[in-house]
Amino acid sequence: MGGNMGRQKGEWEGELSRLAAGKWKTLSAWRVCIASASKGAQPEVAPGVQWPGGVKAASPYQICREVRRAGPLSPRIPPSLRSFLSSMLKS
């Protein structure tokens, strides 16, 4: 895993752990999101494409499908976690 990605992984895991405060378990999966420069285009990333450290690469659509397969989110997600995750979204 490259330096920047490794640093981000540590920061995210630390923040999620802090927000959980031992009240709930966190599970993270690291992905490189391949986005198209063309507005609205959805690239398909071939299976097996990985970044250093074995981090899978996927398109935004592929990542959404993966999240959907993981199951429904708990309606009891703490507001602090919702706020944190919302603040991390790029627009």
Protein backbone atom coordinates (compact mmCIF):
# COMPACT_ATOMS: atom_id res chain seq x y z
CA MET A 1 0.00 0.00 0.00
CA GLY A 2 1.38 3.38 -0.96
CA GLY A 3 2.28 6.02 1.61
CA ASN A 4 -0.76 8.25 1.15
CA MET A 5 -3.19 5.32 1.11
CA GLY A 6 -1.56 3.80 4.17
CA ARG A 7 -1.83 7.13 6.00
CA GLN A 8 -5.50 7.51 5.02
CA LYS A 9 -6.24 3.94 6.15
CA GLY A 10 -4.73 4.67 9.56
CA GLU A 11 -6.63 7.95 9.90
CA TRP A 12 -9.97 6.41 8.89
CA GLU A 13 -9.58 3.38 11.14
CA GLY A 14 -8.58 5.59 14.06
CA GLU A 15 -11.54 7.92 13.57
CA LEU A 16 -14.03 5.05 13.15
CA SER A 17 -12.67 3.41 16.29
CA ARG A 18 -12.95 6.70 18.20
CA LEU A 19 -16.54 7.18 17.06
CA ALA A 20 -17.43 3.58 17.96
CA ALA A 21 -16.03 4.07 21.48
CA GLY A 22 -16.37 0.32 22.08
CA LYS A 23 -20.16 0.46 21.52
CA TRP A 24 -20.17 -1.16 18.09
CA LYS A 25 -17.89 -3.06 15.74
CA THR A 26 -16.56 -1.45 12.57
CA LEU A 27 -15.64 -3.27 9.39
CA SER A 28 -13.75 -1.51 6.64
CA ALA A 29 -12.81 -2.58 3.13
CA TRP A 30 -10.35 -0.48 1.15
CA ARG A 31 -10.93 0.27 -2.53
CA VAL A 32 -9.50 2.52 -5.20
CA CYS A 33 -12.42 4.13 -7.02
CA ILE A 34 -11.83 4.53 -10.76
CA ALA A 35 -13.99 7.37 -12.06
CA SER A 36 -14.45 8.48 -15.65
CA ALA A 37 -13.56 11.97 -16.79
CA SER A 38 -16.75 11.91 -18.90
CA LYS A 39 -19.75 13.16 -16.99
CA GLY A 40 -22.06 10.28 -16.11
CA ALA A 41 -19.86 7.56 -17.61
CA GLN A 42 -19.35 4.41 -15.54
CA PRO A 43 -16.13 2.55 -16.31
CA GLU A 44 -16.06 -1.18 -15.67
CA VAL A 45 -12.90 -2.27 -13.93
CA ALA A 46 -11.72 -5.75 -14.84
CA PRO A 47 -11.71 -8.30 -12.01
CA GLY A 48 -8.34 -8.64 -10.34
CA VAL A 49 -7.13 -5.05 -10.87
CA GLN A 50 -5.32 -4.03 -7.70
CA TRP A 51 -3.17 -1.23 -6.32
CA PRO A 52 -0.03 -1.91 -4.27
CA GLY A 53 -0.84 -3.78 -1.08
CA GLY A 54 -3.63 -5.78 -2.71
CA VAL A 55 -6.19 -2.93 -2.62
CA LYS A 56 -8.95 -3.71 -5.12
CA ALA A 57 -9.88 -1.19 -7.80
CA ALA A 58 -13.53 -0.67 -8.76
CA SER A 59 -15.87 1.79 -10.44
CA PRO A 60 -18.37 3.78 -8.36
CA TYR A 61 -21.13 1.44 -9.60
CA GLN A 62 -19.15 -1.66 -8.62
CA ILE A 63 -18.52 -0.22 -5.14
CA CYS A 64 -22.26 0.50 -4.70
CA ARG A 65 -23.09 -3.08 -5.67
CA GLU A 66 -20.57 -4.36 -3.14
CA VAL A 67 -22.07 -2.22 -0.37
CA ARG A 68 -25.60 -3.37 -1.29
CA ARG A 69 -24.51 -7.04 -1.08
CA ALA A 70 -23.14 -6.41 2.43
CA GLY A 71 -26.70 -5.95 3.67
CA PRO A 72 -28.86 -3.19 5.07
CA LEU A 73 -27.38 -0.51 7.25
CA SER A 74 -28.60 -0.37 10.79
CA PRO A 75 -31.25 2.30 11.39
CA ARG A 76 -29.42 2.89 14.69
CA ILE A 77 -26.27 4.32 13.12
CA PRO A 78 -25.10 6.95 15.61
CA PRO A 79 -25.57 10.55 14.44
CA SER A 80 -21.87 11.21 15.04
CA LEU A 81 -20.95 8.49 12.51
CA ARG A 82 -23.49 9.74 9.96
CA SER A 83 -22.10 13.25 10.33
CA PHE A 84 -18.50 12.06 9.99
CA LEU A 85 -19.20 9.97 6.89
CA SER A 86 -21.21 12.77 5.27
CA SER A 87 -18.35 15.19 5.85
CA MET A 88 -15.97 12.83 4.02
CA LEU A 89 -17.99 12.72 0.77
CA LYS A 90 -16.55 14.60 -2.17
CA SER A 91 -18.97 16.51 -4.35
